[in-house]
Amino acid sequence: MRDNLDLAASAQELADAAPTGSIDRAAATSVAITLATTRDITDARKTLDGLSPAEVRQAALALFDRLSAS
């Protein structure tokens, strides 16, 4: 299993590749920051549950689930 910082690096790569101003970029950046600043996967997931707006939250949670499953 990869740790938070490994997952954060993967999310940051996705954010860097996404178009500026896109939902994908906002979601990936949010996931990267959250993973880099929380203790573990559980804390990161709880933090992302409070993200707004809803469309960014949904995209971030989908990305988080994809990254944390690998």
PDB file of N, CA and C in Angstrom:
ATOM      1  N   MET A   1       0.843  -1.187   0.000  1.00  0.00           N
ATOM      2  CA  MET A   1       0.000   0.000   0.000  1.00  0.00           C
ATOM      3  C   MET A   1       0.887   1.248   0.000  1.00  0.00           C
ATOM      4  N   ARG A   2       0.510   2.204  -0.801  1.00  0.00           N
ATOM      5  CA  ARG A   2       1.258   3.457  -0.878  1.00  0.00           C
ATOM      6  C   ARG A   2       0.825   4.383   0.253  1.00  0.00           C
ATOM      7  N   ASP A   3       1.749   5.221   0.716  1.00  0.00           N
ATOM      8  CA  ASP A   3       1.403   6.134   1.804  1.00  0.00           C
ATOM      9  C   ASP A   3       0.834   7.434   1.234  1.00  0.00           C
ATOM     10  N   ASN A   4       0.395   8.300   2.141  1.00  0.00           N
ATOM     11  CA  ASN A   4      -0.245   9.551   1.735  1.00  0.00           C
ATOM     12  C   ASN A   4       0.625  10.391   0.803  1.00  0.00           C
ATOM     13  N   LEU A   5       1.921  10.463   1.091  1.00  0.00           N
ATOM     14  CA  LEU A   5       2.782  11.317   0.270  1.00  0.00           C
ATOM     15  C   LEU A   5       2.955  10.756  -1.138  1.00  0.00           C
ATOM     16  N   ASP A   6       3.004   9.446  -1.278  1.00  0.00           N
ATOM     17  CA  ASP A   6       3.063   8.842  -2.613  1.00  0.00           C
ATOM     18  C   ASP A   6       1.784   9.147  -3.392  1.00  0.00           C
ATOM     19  N   LEU A   7       0.650   8.997  -2.721  1.00  0.00           N
ATOM     20  CA  LEU A   7      -0.627   9.286  -3.362  1.00  0.00           C
ATOM     21  C   LEU A   7      -0.750  10.773  -3.703  1.00  0.00           C
ATOM     22  N   ALA A   8      -0.246  11.634  -2.818  1.00  0.00           N
ATOM     23  CA  ALA A   8      -0.272  13.078  -3.071  1.00  0.00           C
ATOM     24  C   ALA A   8       0.532  13.421  -4.321  1.00  0.00           C
ATOM     25  N   ALA A   9       1.675  12.780  -4.495  1.00  0.00           N
ATOM     26  CA  ALA A   9       2.499  13.034  -5.677  1.00  0.00           C
ATOM     27  C   ALA A   9       1.764  12.616  -6.951  1.00  0.00           C
ATOM     28  N   SER A  10       1.084  11.493  -6.895  1.00  0.00           N
ATOM     29  CA  SER A  10       0.308  11.045  -8.054  1.00  0.00           C
ATOM     30  C   SER A  10      -0.820  12.020  -8.369  1.00  0.00           C
ATOM     31  N   ALA A  11      -1.510  12.484  -7.346  1.00  0.00           N
ATOM     32  CA  ALA A  11      -2.596  13.448  -7.547  1.00  0.00           C
ATOM     33  C   ALA A  11      -2.054  14.757  -8.109  1.00  0.00           C
ATOM     34  N   GLN A  12      -0.878  15.188  -7.649  1.00  0.00           N
ATOM     35  CA  GLN A  12      -0.292  16.431  -8.151  1.00  0.00           C
ATOM     36  C   GLN A  12       0.077  16.311  -9.623  1.00  0.00           C
ATOM     37  N   GLU A  13       0.569  15.148 -10.032  1.00  0.00           N
ATOM     38  CA  GLU A  13       0.876  14.926 -11.444  1.00  0.00           C
ATOM     39  C   GLU A  13      -0.390  15.064 -12.294  1.00  0.00           C
ATOM     40  N   LEU A  14      -1.487  14.505 -11.804  1.00  0.00           N
ATOM     41  CA  LEU A  14      -2.761  14.620 -12.519  1.00  0.00           C
ATOM     42  C   LEU A  14      -3.234  16.070 -12.563  1.00  0.00           C
ATOM     43  N   ALA A  15      -3.055  16.789 -11.466  1.00  0.00           N
ATOM     44  CA  ALA A  15      -3.450  18.201 -11.423  1.00  0.00           C
ATOM     45  C   ALA A  15      -2.641  19.010 -12.430  1.00  0.00           C
ATOM     46  N   ASP A  16      -1.340  18.744 -12.484  1.00  0.00           N
ATOM     47  CA  ASP A  16      -0.474  19.478 -13.411  1.00  0.00           C
ATOM     48  C   ASP A  16      -0.855  19.219 -14.871  1.00  0.00           C
ATOM     49  N   ALA A  17      -1.371  18.029 -15.156  1.00  0.00           N
ATOM     50  CA  ALA A  17      -1.731  17.665 -16.525  1.00  0.00           C
ATOM     51  C   ALA A  17      -3.129  18.138 -16.928  1.00  0.00           C
ATOM     52  N   ALA A  18      -3.953  18.472 -15.954  1.00  0.00           N
ATOM     53  CA  ALA A  18      -5.338  18.889 -16.245  1.00  0.00           C
ATOM     54  C   ALA A  18      -5.368  20.347 -16.702  1.00  0.00           C
ATOM     55  N   PRO A  19      -6.356  20.684 -17.521  1.00  0.00           N
ATOM     56  CA  PRO A  19      -6.472  22.077 -17.987  1.00  0.00           C
ATOM     57  C   PRO A  19      -6.714  23.052 -16.829  1.00  0.00           C
ATOM     58  N   THR A  20      -6.078  24.198 -16.909  1.00  0.00           N
ATOM     59  CA  THR A  20      -6.251  25.241 -15.912  1.00  0.00           C
ATOM     60  C   THR A  20      -7.723  25.630 -15.828  1.00  0.00           C
ATOM     61  N   GLY A  21      -8.232  25.730 -14.612  1.00  0.00           N
ATOM     62  CA  GLY A  21      -9.614  26.136 -14.400  1.00  0.00           C
ATOM     63  C   GLY A  21     -10.631  25.010 -14.489  1.00  0.00           C
ATOM     64  N   SER A  22     -10.170  23.794 -14.757  1.00  0.00           N
ATOM     65  CA  SER A  22     -11.103  22.675 -14.908  1.00  0.00           C
ATOM     66  C   SER A  22     -11.459  22.057 -13.552  1.00  0.00           C
ATOM     67  N   ILE A  23     -12.575  21.362 -13.530  1.00  0.00           N
ATOM     68  CA  ILE A  23     -12.986  20.620 -12.336  1.00  0.00           C
ATOM     69  C   ILE A  23     -11.931  19.562 -12.010  1.00  0.00           C
ATOM     70  N   ASP A  24     -11.394  18.915 -13.037  1.00  0.00           N
ATOM     71  CA  ASP A  24     -10.381  17.884 -12.813  1.00  0.00           C
ATOM     72  C   ASP A  24      -9.141  18.452 -12.124  1.00  0.00           C
ATOM     73  N   ARG A  25      -8.728  19.628 -12.530  1.00  0.00           N
ATOM     74  CA  ARG A  25      -7.551  20.247 -11.911  1.00  0.00           C
ATOM     75  C   ARG A  25      -7.852  20.625 -10.463  1.00  0.00           C
ATOM     76  N   ALA A  26      -9.018  21.204 -10.223  1.00  0.00           N
ATOM     77  CA  ALA A  26      -9.397  21.587  -8.859  1.00  0.00           C
ATOM     78  C   ALA A  26      -9.480  20.355  -7.964  1.00  0.00           C
ATOM     79  N   ALA A  27     -10.071  19.284  -8.483  1.00  0.00           N
ATOM     80  CA  ALA A  27     -10.223  18.057  -7.700  1.00  0.00           C
ATOM     81  C   ALA A  27      -8.867  17.430  -7.402  1.00  0.00           C
ATOM     82  N   ALA A  28      -8.023  17.304  -8.409  1.00  0.00           N
ATOM     83  CA  ALA A  28      -6.714  16.680  -8.214  1.00  0.00           C
ATOM     84  C   ALA A  28      -5.833  17.508  -7.283  1.00  0.00           C
ATOM     85  N   THR A  29      -5.904  18.821  -7.399  1.00  0.00           N
ATOM     86  CA  THR A  29      -5.138  19.682  -6.497  1.00  0.00           C
ATOM     87  C   THR A  29      -5.637  19.523  -5.066  1.00  0.00           C
ATOM     88  N   SER A  30      -6.936  19.469  -4.891  1.00  0.00           N
ATOM     89  CA  SER A  30      -7.514  19.273  -3.558  1.00  0.00           C
ATOM     90  C   SER A  30      -7.083  17.943  -2.956  1.00  0.00           C
ATOM     91  N   VAL A  31      -7.095  16.896  -3.769  1.00  0.00           N
ATOM     92  CA  VAL A  31      -6.669  15.575  -3.284  1.00  0.00           C
ATOM     93  C   VAL A  31      -5.191  15.608  -2.917  1.00  0.00           C
ATOM     94  N   ALA A  32      -4.369  16.224  -3.761  1.00  0.00           N
ATOM     95  CA  ALA A  32      -2.931  16.294  -3.486  1.00  0.00           C
ATOM     96  C   ALA A  32      -2.643  17.024  -2.173  1.00  0.00           C
ATOM     97  N   ILE A  33      -3.270  18.158  -1.983  1.00  0.00           N
ATOM     98  CA  ILE A  33      -3.045  18.941  -0.764  1.00  0.00           C
ATOM     99  C   ILE A  33      -3.552  18.188   0.458  1.00  0.00           C
ATOM    100  N   THR A  34      -4.728  17.602   0.334  1.00  0.00           N
ATOM    101  CA  THR A  34      -5.309  16.873   1.460  1.00  0.00           C
ATOM    102  C   THR A  34      -4.435  15.691   1.855  1.00  0.00           C
ATOM    103  N   LEU A  35      -3.990  14.924   0.884  1.00  0.00           N
ATOM    104  CA  LEU A  35      -3.145  13.768   1.188  1.00  0.00           C
ATOM    105  C   LEU A  35      -1.805  14.188   1.793  1.00  0.00           C
ATOM    106  N   ALA A  36      -1.276  15.303   1.328  1.00  0.00           N
ATOM    107  CA  ALA A  36       0.025  15.767   1.833  1.00  0.00           C
ATOM    108  C   ALA A  36      -0.061  16.331   3.248  1.00  0.00           C
ATOM    109  N   THR A  37      -1.262  16.688   3.682  1.00  0.00           N
ATOM    110  CA  THR A  37      -1.386  17.359   4.976  1.00  0.00           C
ATOM    111  C   THR A  37      -2.179  16.579   6.020  1.00  0.00           C
ATOM    112  N   THR A  38      -2.522  15.343   5.719  1.00  0.00           N
ATOM    113  CA  THR A  38      -3.239  14.518   6.690  1.00  0.00           C
ATOM    114  C   THR A  38      -2.379  13.326   7.080  1.00  0.00           C
ATOM    115  N   ARG A  39      -2.698  12.751   8.244  1.00  0.00           N
ATOM    116  CA  ARG A  39      -1.897  11.652   8.780  1.00  0.00           C
ATOM    117  C   ARG A  39      -2.038  10.350   8.025  1.00  0.00           C
ATOM    118  N   ASP A  40      -3.264  10.049   7.605  1.00  0.00           N
ATOM    119  CA  ASP A  40      -3.492   8.756   6.964  1.00  0.00           C
ATOM    120  C   ASP A  40      -4.672   8.849   6.006  1.00  0.00           C
ATOM    121  N   ILE A  41      -4.940   7.731   5.348  1.00  0.00           N
ATOM    122  CA  ILE A  41      -6.002   7.666   4.344  1.00  0.00           C
ATOM    123  C   ILE A  41      -7.363   8.010   4.945  1.00  0.00           C
ATOM    124  N   THR A  42      -7.623   7.535   6.141  1.00  0.00           N
ATOM    125  CA  THR A  42      -8.914   7.788   6.791  1.00  0.00           C
ATOM    126  C   THR A  42      -9.125   9.275   7.026  1.00  0.00           C
ATOM    127  N   ASP A  43      -8.091   9.958   7.533  1.00  0.00           N
ATOM    128  CA  ASP A  43      -8.189  11.406   7.752  1.00  0.00           C
ATOM    129  C   ASP A  43      -8.382  12.152   6.434  1.00  0.00           C
ATOM    130  N   ALA A  44      -7.678  11.710   5.407  1.00  0.00           N
ATOM    131  CA  ALA A  44      -7.796  12.360   4.100  1.00  0.00           C
ATOM    132  C   ALA A  44      -9.221  12.229   3.565  1.00  0.00           C
ATOM    133  N   ARG A  45      -9.783  11.045   3.672  1.00  0.00           N
ATOM    134  CA  ARG A  45     -11.147  10.808   3.180  1.00  0.00           C
ATOM    135  C   ARG A  45     -12.153  11.690   3.930  1.00  0.00           C
ATOM    136  N   LYS A  46     -12.016  11.766   5.242  1.00  0.00           N
ATOM    137  CA  LYS A  46     -12.920  12.609   6.041  1.00  0.00           C
ATOM    138  C   LYS A  46     -12.808  14.075   5.632  1.00  0.00           C
ATOM    139  N   THR A  47     -11.600  14.512   5.387  1.00  0.00           N
ATOM    140  CA  THR A  47     -11.384  15.902   4.989  1.00  0.00           C
ATOM    141  C   THR A  47     -12.023  16.187   3.637  1.00  0.00           C
ATOM    142  N   LEU A  48     -11.839  15.284   2.694  1.00  0.00           N
ATOM    143  CA  LEU A  48     -12.420  15.486   1.361  1.00  0.00           C
ATOM    144  C   LEU A  48     -13.942  15.479   1.384  1.00  0.00           C
ATOM    145  N   ASP A  49     -14.542  14.803   2.349  1.00  0.00           N
ATOM    146  CA  ASP A  49     -16.008  14.798   2.472  1.00  0.00           C
ATOM    147  C   ASP A  49     -16.569  16.200   2.704  1.00  0.00           C
ATOM    148  N   GLY A  50     -15.762  17.107   3.228  1.00  0.00           N
ATOM    149  CA  GLY A  50     -16.218  18.463   3.508  1.00  0.00           C
ATOM    150  C   GLY A  50     -15.902  19.465   2.411  1.00  0.00           C
ATOM    151  N   LEU A  51     -15.346  19.008   1.313  1.00  0.00           N
ATOM    152  CA  LEU A  51     -14.947  19.887   0.220  1.00  0.00           C
ATOM    153  C   LEU A  51     -16.165  20.473  -0.487  1.00  0.00           C
ATOM    154  N   SER A  52     -16.039  21.707  -0.925  1.00  0.00           N
ATOM    155  CA  SER A  52     -17.100  22.310  -1.727  1.00  0.00           C
ATOM    156  C   SER A  52     -16.458  23.125  -2.843  1.00  0.00           C
ATOM    157  N   PRO A  53     -17.148  23.338  -3.924  1.00  0.00           N
ATOM    158  CA  PRO A  53     -18.516  22.978  -4.244  1.00  0.00           C
ATOM    159  C   PRO A  53     -18.690  21.478  -4.502  1.00  0.00           C
ATOM    160  N   ALA A  54     -19.926  21.075  -4.603  1.00  0.00           N
ATOM    161  CA  ALA A  54     -20.270  19.657  -4.702  1.00  0.00           C
ATOM    162  C   ALA A  54     -19.622  18.961  -5.895  1.00  0.00           C
ATOM    163  N   GLU A  55     -19.543  19.630  -7.038  1.00  0.00           N
ATOM    164  CA  GLU A  55     -18.965  18.967  -8.208  1.00  0.00           C
ATOM    165  C   GLU A  55     -17.467  18.704  -8.047  1.00  0.00           C
ATOM    166  N   VAL A  56     -16.784  19.597  -7.364  1.00  0.00           N
ATOM    167  CA  VAL A  56     -15.360  19.370  -7.080  1.00  0.00           C
ATOM    168  C   VAL A  56     -15.224  18.246  -6.050  1.00  0.00           C
ATOM    169  N   ARG A  57     -16.090  18.250  -5.033  1.00  0.00           N
ATOM    170  CA  ARG A  57     -16.063  17.185  -4.021  1.00  0.00           C
ATOM    171  C   ARG A  57     -16.265  15.818  -4.661  1.00  0.00           C
ATOM    172  N   GLN A  58     -17.261  15.708  -5.535  1.00  0.00           N
ATOM    173  CA  GLN A  58     -17.547  14.426  -6.185  1.00  0.00           C
ATOM    174  C   GLN A  58     -16.359  13.960  -7.036  1.00  0.00           C
ATOM    175  N   ALA A  59     -15.775  14.874  -7.791  1.00  0.00           N
ATOM    176  CA  ALA A  59     -14.622  14.525  -8.625  1.00  0.00           C
ATOM    177  C   ALA A  59     -13.414  14.165  -7.762  1.00  0.00           C
ATOM    178  N   ALA A  60     -13.219  14.899  -6.669  1.00  0.00           N
ATOM    179  CA  ALA A  60     -12.092  14.619  -5.765  1.00  0.00           C
ATOM    180  C   ALA A  60     -12.250  13.261  -5.090  1.00  0.00           C
ATOM    181  N   LEU A  61     -13.446  12.949  -4.643  1.00  0.00           N
ATOM    182  CA  LEU A  61     -13.679  11.653  -3.997  1.00  0.00           C
ATOM    183  C   LEU A  61     -13.502  10.497  -4.983  1.00  0.00           C
ATOM    184  N   ALA A  62     -13.943  10.687  -6.217  1.00  0.00           N
ATOM    185  CA  ALA A  62     -13.752   9.647  -7.234  1.00  0.00           C
ATOM    186  C   ALA A  62     -12.261   9.432  -7.502  1.00  0.00           C
ATOM    187  N   LEU A  63     -11.516  10.513  -7.611  1.00  0.00           N
ATOM    188  CA  LEU A  63     -10.070  10.412  -7.819  1.00  0.00           C
ATOM    189  C   LEU A  63      -9.398   9.774  -6.611  1.00  0.00           C
ATOM    190  N   PHE A  64      -9.772  10.204  -5.430  1.00  0.00           N
ATOM    191  CA  PHE A  64      -9.208   9.637  -4.204  1.00  0.00           C
ATOM    192  C   PHE A  64      -9.451   8.123  -4.152  1.00  0.00           C
ATOM    193  N   ASP A  65     -10.654   7.712  -4.452  1.00  0.00           N
ATOM    194  CA  ASP A  65     -10.977   6.280  -4.434  1.00  0.00           C
ATOM    195  C   ASP A  65     -10.129   5.520  -5.446  1.00  0.00           C
ATOM    196  N   ARG A  66      -9.956   6.108  -6.621  1.00  0.00           N
ATOM    197  CA  ARG A  66      -9.144   5.462  -7.657  1.00  0.00           C
ATOM    198  C   ARG A  66      -7.688   5.350  -7.219  1.00  0.00           C
ATOM    199  N   LEU A  67      -7.134   6.426  -6.683  1.00  0.00           N
ATOM    200  CA  LEU A  67      -5.730   6.414  -6.260  1.00  0.00           C
ATOM    201  C   LEU A  67      -5.500   5.480  -5.073  1.00  0.00           C
ATOM    202  N   SER A  68      -6.396   5.519  -4.110  1.00  0.00           N
ATOM    203  CA  SER A  68      -6.179   4.727  -2.894  1.00  0.00           C
ATOM    204  C   SER A  68      -6.426   3.236  -3.110  1.00  0.00           C
ATOM    205  N   ALA A  69      -7.125   2.881  -4.196  1.00  0.00           N
ATOM    206  CA  ALA A  69      -7.384   1.478  -4.498  1.00  0.00           C
ATOM    207  C   ALA A  69      -6.180   0.822  -5.188  1.00  0.00           C
ATOM    208  N   SER A  70      -5.317   1.630  -5.763  1.00  0.00           N
ATOM    209  CA  SER A  70      -4.187   1.058  -6.510  1.00  0.00           C
ATOM    210  C   SER A  70      -2.979   0.783  -5.650  1.00  0.00           C
TER     211      SER A  70
END
